[in-house]
Amino acid sequence: MHFSLRQWSAWAPGLDTREAWLGWALAGALPHGDEAPKVAAMPAMLRRRADRLGKMALETLYAAEIGYHSQPLIHASRHGEATRTVPLLQALAQEGTVSPQAFSMAVHNATAGLFTIATKTNATVTALAAGRETALAGLIEACGQLADGAAAVLLCFSDEPLPALYRPYGDAPEAPFAIALDLVAGDDYTLESGHAGGDDATPLDLLRFLLNDAPTLALGARGGWRLARGAA
């Protein structure tokens, strides 16, 4: 499977410019923080419905867009709206009911839905969660849609630290971030399976690879997936 990268955007506390992210790609560590982007491009009535995780994703989607009115959107998040889900589950256990409005923003495709409403997008939306292989799953889905005839696909990743209740069960260090990749048909990169397995690459590992000059990136420990520069 092949693709090219037309545009990218990323946001994390303390990393809100392309220059900052290019510096991070060389050797930087992702900072922690409680800040959230302003998402000034979105109408306030819709923007108020998003929490920090959603706002991070929305900020990058607006920054990376080129032709999103007809461009399929994929939103991949390992944990999704966990900070909203925990209070909902607690309310359900204690009271037997939850707020419909709160529930509507806790589902996995809520952020993508806000974006399509705000931008009047009529393209398809896919929401993914694949555990440690979320980066790989998002990339496979994007490549599949390009191979199926899509001229471009907007691939967004976003995650943040788990709520305290779930944190003891986390299996990797976490920091808040969002990434949007505007992928188009092309042969600048090749994704293929059948190689010696490595560690499961995260969305941040994927972005770092796209921004530096490393020749390959091992993406999936189980399937031996590898991302390489150029056509195979």
C-alpha atoms as a PDB file:
ATOM      1  CA  MET A   1       0.000   0.000   0.000  1.00  0.00           C
ATOM      2  CA  HIS A   2       1.266   3.450  -0.917  1.00  0.00           C
ATOM      3  CA  PHE A   3       0.512   7.064  -0.038  1.00  0.00           C
ATOM      4  CA  SER A   4       1.958  10.566   0.033  1.00  0.00           C
ATOM      5  CA  LEU A   5       1.669  13.226   2.731  1.00  0.00           C
ATOM      6  CA  ARG A   6       0.213  16.513   1.494  1.00  0.00           C
ATOM      7  CA  GLN A   7      -0.147  18.351   4.802  1.00  0.00           C
ATOM      8  CA  TRP A   8       0.152  17.733   8.534  1.00  0.00           C
ATOM      9  CA  SER A   9      -0.736  19.412  11.790  1.00  0.00           C
ATOM     10  CA  ALA A  10      -0.207  18.547  15.452  1.00  0.00           C
ATOM     11  CA  TRP A  11      -1.006  20.035  18.839  1.00  0.00           C
ATOM     12  CA  ALA A  12       0.061  19.315  22.408  1.00  0.00           C
ATOM     13  CA  PRO A  13       0.515  21.529  25.473  1.00  0.00           C
ATOM     14  CA  GLY A  14       3.662  23.555  24.803  1.00  0.00           C
ATOM     15  CA  LEU A  15       3.872  22.410  21.172  1.00  0.00           C
ATOM     16  CA  ASP A  16       1.514  24.557  19.133  1.00  0.00           C
ATOM     17  CA  THR A  17       3.604  25.535  16.090  1.00  0.00           C
ATOM     18  CA  ARG A  18       5.126  23.579  13.221  1.00  0.00           C
ATOM     19  CA  GLU A  19       8.583  24.776  14.263  1.00  0.00           C
ATOM     20  CA  ALA A  20       8.093  23.400  17.772  1.00  0.00           C
ATOM     21  CA  TRP A  21       7.030  20.033  16.397  1.00  0.00           C
ATOM     22  CA  LEU A  22       9.958  19.876  13.988  1.00  0.00           C
ATOM     23  CA  GLY A  23      12.242  20.454  16.977  1.00  0.00           C
ATOM     24  CA  TRP A  24      10.434  17.733  18.917  1.00  0.00           C
ATOM     25  CA  ALA A  25      10.885  15.324  15.999  1.00  0.00           C
ATOM     26  CA  LEU A  26      14.669  15.590  16.283  1.00  0.00           C
ATOM     27  CA  ALA A  27      14.913  14.472  19.906  1.00  0.00           C
ATOM     28  CA  GLY A  28      12.288  16.136  22.018  1.00  0.00           C
ATOM     29  CA  ALA A  29      10.044  14.689  24.696  1.00  0.00           C
ATOM     30  CA  LEU A  30       6.352  15.409  24.657  1.00  0.00           C
ATOM     31  CA  PRO A  31       5.516  17.865  27.451  1.00  0.00           C
ATOM     32  CA  HIS A  32       2.631  17.419  29.861  1.00  0.00           C
ATOM     33  CA  GLY A  33       0.188  20.192  30.648  1.00  0.00           C
ATOM     34  CA  ASP A  34      -3.443  21.121  31.149  1.00  0.00           C
ATOM     35  CA  GLU A  35      -3.782  23.650  28.335  1.00  0.00           C
ATOM     36  CA  ALA A  36      -6.316  23.241  25.556  1.00  0.00           C
ATOM     37  CA  PRO A  37      -6.330  24.886  22.118  1.00  0.00           C
ATOM     38  CA  LYS A  38      -8.841  27.633  21.362  1.00  0.00           C
ATOM     39  CA  VAL A  39     -10.236  26.128  18.138  1.00  0.00           C
ATOM     40  CA  ALA A  40     -11.052  29.650  16.996  1.00  0.00           C
ATOM     41  CA  ALA A  41     -12.126  28.417  13.552  1.00  0.00           C
ATOM     42  CA  MET A  42     -15.140  26.561  14.967  1.00  0.00           C
ATOM     43  CA  PRO A  43     -18.413  28.316  15.838  1.00  0.00           C
ATOM     44  CA  ALA A  44     -18.617  28.874  19.603  1.00  0.00           C
ATOM     45  CA  MET A  45     -21.908  26.988  19.987  1.00  0.00           C
ATOM     46  CA  LEU A  46     -20.281  23.798  18.706  1.00  0.00           C
ATOM     47  CA  ARG A  47     -16.873  24.439  20.243  1.00  0.00           C
ATOM     48  CA  ARG A  48     -18.363  24.552  23.750  1.00  0.00           C
ATOM     49  CA  ARG A  49     -19.501  20.945  23.399  1.00  0.00           C
ATOM     50  CA  ALA A  50     -15.932  19.635  23.031  1.00  0.00           C
ATOM     51  CA  ASP A  51     -13.645  18.882  25.961  1.00  0.00           C
ATOM     52  CA  ARG A  52      -9.849  19.078  25.747  1.00  0.00           C
ATOM     53  CA  LEU A  53      -9.420  15.838  23.811  1.00  0.00           C
ATOM     54  CA  GLY A  54     -11.948  16.951  21.237  1.00  0.00           C
ATOM     55  CA  LYS A  55     -10.521  20.453  21.007  1.00  0.00           C
ATOM     56  CA  MET A  56      -7.022  19.105  20.357  1.00  0.00           C
ATOM     57  CA  ALA A  57      -8.306  16.966  17.492  1.00  0.00           C
ATOM     58  CA  LEU A  58     -10.443  19.771  16.090  1.00  0.00           C
ATOM     59  CA  GLU A  59      -7.550  22.237  16.179  1.00  0.00           C
ATOM     60  CA  THR A  60      -5.391  19.915  14.096  1.00  0.00           C
ATOM     61  CA  LEU A  61      -8.187  19.070  11.665  1.00  0.00           C
ATOM     62  CA  TYR A  62      -8.820  22.722  10.896  1.00  0.00           C
ATOM     63  CA  ALA A  63      -5.082  23.367  10.521  1.00  0.00           C
ATOM     64  CA  ALA A  64      -4.503  20.413   8.189  1.00  0.00           C
ATOM     65  CA  GLU A  65      -7.558  20.760   5.983  1.00  0.00           C
ATOM     66  CA  ILE A  66      -7.285  21.364   2.278  1.00  0.00           C
ATOM     67  CA  GLY A  67     -10.452  19.942   0.754  1.00  0.00           C
ATOM     68  CA  TYR A  68     -12.368  18.417   3.637  1.00  0.00           C
ATOM     69  CA  HIS A  69     -15.837  19.053   2.201  1.00  0.00           C
ATOM     70  CA  SER A  70     -15.506  15.881   0.143  1.00  0.00           C
ATOM     71  CA  GLN A  71     -12.559  14.242   1.886  1.00  0.00           C
ATOM     72  CA  PRO A  72     -13.103  11.097   3.994  1.00  0.00           C
ATOM     73  CA  LEU A  73     -12.182  11.541   7.656  1.00  0.00           C
ATOM     74  CA  ILE A  74     -10.701   8.866   9.929  1.00  0.00           C
ATOM     75  CA  HIS A  75     -10.442   9.585  13.657  1.00  0.00           C
ATOM     76  CA  ALA A  76      -8.347   7.055  15.573  1.00  0.00           C
ATOM     77  CA  SER A  77      -8.027   7.199  19.351  1.00  0.00           C
ATOM     78  CA  ARG A  78      -6.901   4.405  21.645  1.00  0.00           C
ATOM     79  CA  HIS A  79      -8.897   5.529  24.690  1.00  0.00           C
ATOM     80  CA  GLY A  80     -11.321   8.023  23.195  1.00  0.00           C
ATOM     81  CA  GLU A  81     -13.450  10.117  25.543  1.00  0.00           C
ATOM     82  CA  ALA A  82     -12.467   8.187  28.677  1.00  0.00           C
ATOM     83  CA  THR A  83     -12.628  11.312  30.838  1.00  0.00           C
ATOM     84  CA  ARG A  84     -16.299  11.654  29.895  1.00  0.00           C
ATOM     85  CA  THR A  85     -17.054   7.941  30.041  1.00  0.00           C
ATOM     86  CA  VAL A  86     -15.990   7.358  33.658  1.00  0.00           C
ATOM     87  CA  PRO A  87     -18.470   9.863  35.172  1.00  0.00           C
ATOM     88  CA  LEU A  88     -21.191   8.493  32.907  1.00  0.00           C
ATOM     89  CA  LEU A  89     -20.553   4.930  34.073  1.00  0.00           C
ATOM     90  CA  GLN A  90     -20.506   6.058  37.694  1.00  0.00           C
ATOM     91  CA  ALA A  91     -23.791   7.924  37.238  1.00  0.00           C
ATOM     92  CA  LEU A  92     -25.328   4.896  35.534  1.00  0.00           C
ATOM     93  CA  ALA A  93     -24.254   2.628  38.406  1.00  0.00           C
ATOM     94  CA  GLN A  94     -25.455   5.002  41.121  1.00  0.00           C
ATOM     95  CA  GLU A  95     -28.535   6.583  39.561  1.00  0.00           C
ATOM     96  CA  GLY A  96     -29.505   4.258  36.735  1.00  0.00           C
ATOM     97  CA  THR A  97     -29.550   7.033  34.136  1.00  0.00           C
ATOM     98  CA  VAL A  98     -27.189   9.385  32.312  1.00  0.00           C
ATOM     99  CA  SER A  99     -27.482  12.736  30.593  1.00  0.00           C
ATOM    100  CA  PRO A 100     -28.285  12.234  26.888  1.00  0.00           C
ATOM    101  CA  GLN A 101     -26.218  15.292  25.985  1.00  0.00           C
ATOM    102  CA  ALA A 102     -23.216  14.045  27.972  1.00  0.00           C
ATOM    103  CA  PHE A 103     -23.561  10.612  26.387  1.00  0.00           C
ATOM    104  CA  SER A 104     -23.735  12.073  22.887  1.00  0.00           C
ATOM    105  CA  MET A 105     -20.275  13.603  23.335  1.00  0.00           C
ATOM    106  CA  ALA A 106     -18.765  10.468  24.894  1.00  0.00           C
ATOM    107  CA  VAL A 107     -19.200   8.196  21.877  1.00  0.00           C
ATOM    108  CA  HIS A 108     -16.105   7.483  19.810  1.00  0.00           C
ATOM    109  CA  ASN A 109     -17.162   9.445  16.731  1.00  0.00           C
ATOM    110  CA  ALA A 110     -18.393  12.546  18.602  1.00  0.00           C
ATOM    111  CA  THR A 111     -15.460  14.796  17.702  1.00  0.00           C
ATOM    112  CA  ALA A 112     -15.577  13.820  14.039  1.00  0.00           C
ATOM    113  CA  GLY A 113     -19.297  14.518  14.097  1.00  0.00           C
ATOM    114  CA  LEU A 114     -18.753  18.033  15.456  1.00  0.00           C
ATOM    115  CA  PHE A 115     -16.212  18.704  12.724  1.00  0.00           C
ATOM    116  CA  THR A 116     -18.501  17.532   9.937  1.00  0.00           C
ATOM    117  CA  ILE A 117     -21.381  19.627  11.287  1.00  0.00           C
ATOM    118  CA  ALA A 118     -19.223  22.746  11.589  1.00  0.00           C
ATOM    119  CA  THR A 119     -17.664  22.359   8.143  1.00  0.00           C
ATOM    120  CA  LYS A 120     -20.813  21.029   6.426  1.00  0.00           C
ATOM    121  CA  THR A 121     -18.811  17.999   5.349  1.00  0.00           C
ATOM    122  CA  ASN A 122     -20.739  15.279   3.537  1.00  0.00           C
ATOM    123  CA  ALA A 123     -17.881  12.780   3.266  1.00  0.00           C
ATOM    124  CA  THR A 124     -17.636   9.472   5.111  1.00  0.00           C
ATOM    125  CA  VAL A 125     -16.367   9.328   8.699  1.00  0.00           C
ATOM    126  CA  THR A 126     -14.640   6.345  10.326  1.00  0.00           C
ATOM    127  CA  ALA A 127     -13.840   6.105  14.057  1.00  0.00           C
ATOM    128  CA  LEU A 128     -11.234   3.575  15.191  1.00  0.00           C
ATOM    129  CA  ALA A 129      -9.735   2.204  18.397  1.00  0.00           C
ATOM    130  CA  ALA A 130      -7.234  -0.646  18.182  1.00  0.00           C
ATOM    131  CA  GLY A 131      -5.349  -0.676  21.468  1.00  0.00           C
ATOM    132  CA  ARG A 132      -1.585  -0.557  21.073  1.00  0.00           C
ATOM    133  CA  GLU A 133      -1.993  -0.873  17.295  1.00  0.00           C
ATOM    134  CA  THR A 134      -4.185   2.202  16.844  1.00  0.00           C
ATOM    135  CA  ALA A 135      -1.549   3.986  14.744  1.00  0.00           C
ATOM    136  CA  LEU A 136      -1.254   0.983  12.437  1.00  0.00           C
ATOM    137  CA  ALA A 137      -5.019   0.516  12.200  1.00  0.00           C
ATOM    138  CA  GLY A 138      -5.548   4.152  11.268  1.00  0.00           C
ATOM    139  CA  LEU A 139      -2.876   4.014   8.597  1.00  0.00           C
ATOM    140  CA  ILE A 140      -4.181   0.748   7.123  1.00  0.00           C
ATOM    141  CA  GLU A 141      -7.700   2.191   6.956  1.00  0.00           C
ATOM    142  CA  ALA A 142      -6.424   5.356   5.263  1.00  0.00           C
ATOM    143  CA  CYS A 143      -4.372   3.395   2.733  1.00  0.00           C
ATOM    144  CA  GLY A 144      -7.330   1.137   2.054  1.00  0.00           C
ATOM    145  CA  GLN A 145      -9.582   4.092   1.306  1.00  0.00           C
ATOM    146  CA  LEU A 146      -6.953   5.601  -0.996  1.00  0.00           C
ATOM    147  CA  ALA A 147      -6.584   2.261  -2.794  1.00  0.00           C
ATOM    148  CA  ASP A 148     -10.380   2.158  -3.099  1.00  0.00           C
ATOM    149  CA  GLY A 149     -10.367   5.389  -5.066  1.00  0.00           C
ATOM    150  CA  ALA A 150     -10.382   8.247  -2.554  1.00  0.00           C
ATOM    151  CA  ALA A 151      -8.226  11.109  -3.822  1.00  0.00           C
ATOM    152  CA  ALA A 152      -7.315  12.143  -0.279  1.00  0.00           C
ATOM    153  CA  VAL A 153      -8.023  11.059   3.303  1.00  0.00           C
ATOM    154  CA  LEU A 154      -7.796  13.118   6.478  1.00  0.00           C
ATOM    155  CA  LEU A 155      -6.390  10.892   9.252  1.00  0.00           C
ATOM    156  CA  CYS A 156      -6.575  12.234  12.807  1.00  0.00           C
ATOM    157  CA  PHE A 157      -5.130  10.726  15.989  1.00  0.00           C
ATOM    158  CA  SER A 158      -5.821  12.045  19.482  1.00  0.00           C
ATOM    159  CA  ASP A 159      -5.360  10.753  23.012  1.00  0.00           C
ATOM    160  CA  GLU A 160      -4.724  11.970  26.533  1.00  0.00           C
ATOM    161  CA  PRO A 161      -3.778  10.354  29.868  1.00  0.00           C
ATOM    162  CA  LEU A 162      -6.301   7.936  31.285  1.00  0.00           C
ATOM    163  CA  PRO A 163      -8.527   9.019  34.188  1.00  0.00           C
ATOM    164  CA  ALA A 164      -7.112   8.147  37.618  1.00  0.00           C
ATOM    165  CA  LEU A 165      -9.489   5.189  37.960  1.00  0.00           C
ATOM    166  CA  TYR A 166      -7.988   3.459  34.907  1.00  0.00           C
ATOM    167  CA  ARG A 167      -4.416   4.677  35.162  1.00  0.00           C
ATOM    168  CA  PRO A 168      -3.075   1.621  37.071  1.00  0.00           C
ATOM    169  CA  TYR A 169      -4.040  -0.515  34.072  1.00  0.00           C
ATOM    170  CA  GLY A 170      -2.280   1.585  31.454  1.00  0.00           C
ATOM    171  CA  ASP A 171       0.638  -0.101  29.714  1.00  0.00           C
ATOM    172  CA  ALA A 172       2.464   2.901  28.236  1.00  0.00           C
ATOM    173  CA  PRO A 173       3.441   6.447  29.228  1.00  0.00           C
ATOM    174  CA  GLU A 174       0.838   8.911  28.034  1.00  0.00           C
ATOM    175  CA  ALA A 175       0.633  12.620  27.330  1.00  0.00           C
ATOM    176  CA  PRO A 176      -2.077  14.687  25.612  1.00  0.00           C
ATOM    177  CA  PHE A 177      -1.697  15.178  21.856  1.00  0.00           C
ATOM    178  CA  ALA A 178      -3.519  15.324  18.547  1.00  0.00           C
ATOM    179  CA  ILE A 179      -2.214  14.794  15.014  1.00  0.00           C
ATOM    180  CA  ALA A 180      -3.891  15.307  11.641  1.00  0.00           C
ATOM    181  CA  LEU A 181      -2.399  13.917   8.429  1.00  0.00           C
ATOM    182  CA  ASP A 182      -3.713  14.873   4.997  1.00  0.00           C
ATOM    183  CA  LEU A 183      -2.857  11.773   2.955  1.00  0.00           C
ATOM    184  CA  VAL A 184      -3.166  11.497  -0.817  1.00  0.00           C
ATOM    185  CA  ALA A 185      -2.570   8.839  -3.430  1.00  0.00           C
ATOM    186  CA  GLY A 186       1.129   8.634  -4.261  1.00  0.00           C
ATOM    187  CA  ASP A 187       4.277   6.611  -3.703  1.00  0.00           C
ATOM    188  CA  ASP A 188       6.298   8.670  -1.223  1.00  0.00           C
ATOM    189  CA  TYR A 189       5.650   5.994   1.435  1.00  0.00           C
ATOM    190  CA  THR A 190       5.024   2.248   1.330  1.00  0.00           C
ATOM    191  CA  LEU A 191       3.193   0.264   4.029  1.00  0.00           C
ATOM    192  CA  GLU A 192       3.715  -3.488   3.897  1.00  0.00           C
ATOM    193  CA  SER A 193       3.533  -6.553   6.132  1.00  0.00           C
ATOM    194  CA  GLY A 194       5.706  -9.634   6.454  1.00  0.00           C
ATOM    195  CA  HIS A 195       8.744  -8.107   8.140  1.00  0.00           C
ATOM    196  CA  ALA A 196      10.322  -9.025  11.457  1.00  0.00           C
ATOM    197  CA  GLY A 197       8.053  -7.712  14.193  1.00  0.00           C
ATOM    198  CA  GLY A 198       9.064  -4.750  16.290  1.00  0.00           C
ATOM    199  CA  ASP A 199       7.399  -2.699  18.965  1.00  0.00           C
ATOM    200  CA  ASP A 200       3.941  -1.290  18.361  1.00  0.00           C
ATOM    201  CA  ALA A 201       4.489   2.229  17.060  1.00  0.00           C
ATOM    202  CA  THR A 202       2.311   4.989  18.501  1.00  0.00           C
ATOM    203  CA  PRO A 203       0.810   7.869  16.512  1.00  0.00           C
ATOM    204  CA  LEU A 204       3.630  10.028  17.882  1.00  0.00           C
ATOM    205  CA  ASP A 205       6.186   7.531  16.553  1.00  0.00           C
ATOM    206  CA  LEU A 206       4.464   7.764  13.182  1.00  0.00           C
ATOM    207  CA  LEU A 207       4.577  11.561  13.167  1.00  0.00           C
ATOM    208  CA  ARG A 208       8.243  11.586  14.168  1.00  0.00           C
ATOM    209  CA  PHE A 209       9.036   9.237  11.285  1.00  0.00           C
ATOM    210  CA  LEU A 210       7.168  11.447   8.820  1.00  0.00           C
ATOM    211  CA  LEU A 211       9.049  14.537  10.026  1.00  0.00           C
ATOM    212  CA  ASN A 212      12.579  13.109  10.145  1.00  0.00           C
ATOM    213  CA  ASP A 213      14.701  11.161   7.673  1.00  0.00           C
ATOM    214  CA  ALA A 214      14.618   7.644   9.148  1.00  0.00           C
ATOM    215  CA  PRO A 215      14.314   5.076   6.325  1.00  0.00           C
ATOM    216  CA  THR A 216      11.743   2.774   7.967  1.00  0.00           C
ATOM    217  CA  LEU A 217       9.361   2.486  10.909  1.00  0.00           C
ATOM    218  CA  ALA A 218       8.230  -0.825  12.429  1.00  0.00           C
ATOM    219  CA  LEU A 219       4.512  -0.410  13.097  1.00  0.00           C
ATOM    220  CA  GLY A 220       3.039  -3.650  14.395  1.00  0.00           C
ATOM    221  CA  ALA A 221       4.602  -6.248  16.668  1.00  0.00           C
ATOM    222  CA  ARG A 222       2.194  -8.998  15.620  1.00  0.00           C
ATOM    223  CA  GLY A 223       1.911  -8.614  11.864  1.00  0.00           C
ATOM    224  CA  GLY A 224       5.395  -7.405  11.031  1.00  0.00           C
ATOM    225  CA  TRP A 225       4.125  -4.207   9.419  1.00  0.00           C
ATOM    226  CA  ARG A 226       6.696  -1.705   8.194  1.00  0.00           C
ATOM    227  CA  LEU A 227       6.451   1.807   6.797  1.00  0.00           C
ATOM    228  CA  ALA A 228       9.228   2.792   4.393  1.00  0.00           C
ATOM    229  CA  ARG A 229      10.065   5.821   2.305  1.00  0.00           C
ATOM    230  CA  GLY A 230       9.547   5.507  -1.437  1.00  0.00           C
ATOM    231  CA  ALA A 231       7.900   2.820  -3.516  1.00  0.00           C
ATOM    232  CA  ALA A 232       8.705  -0.802  -2.773  1.00  0.00           C
END
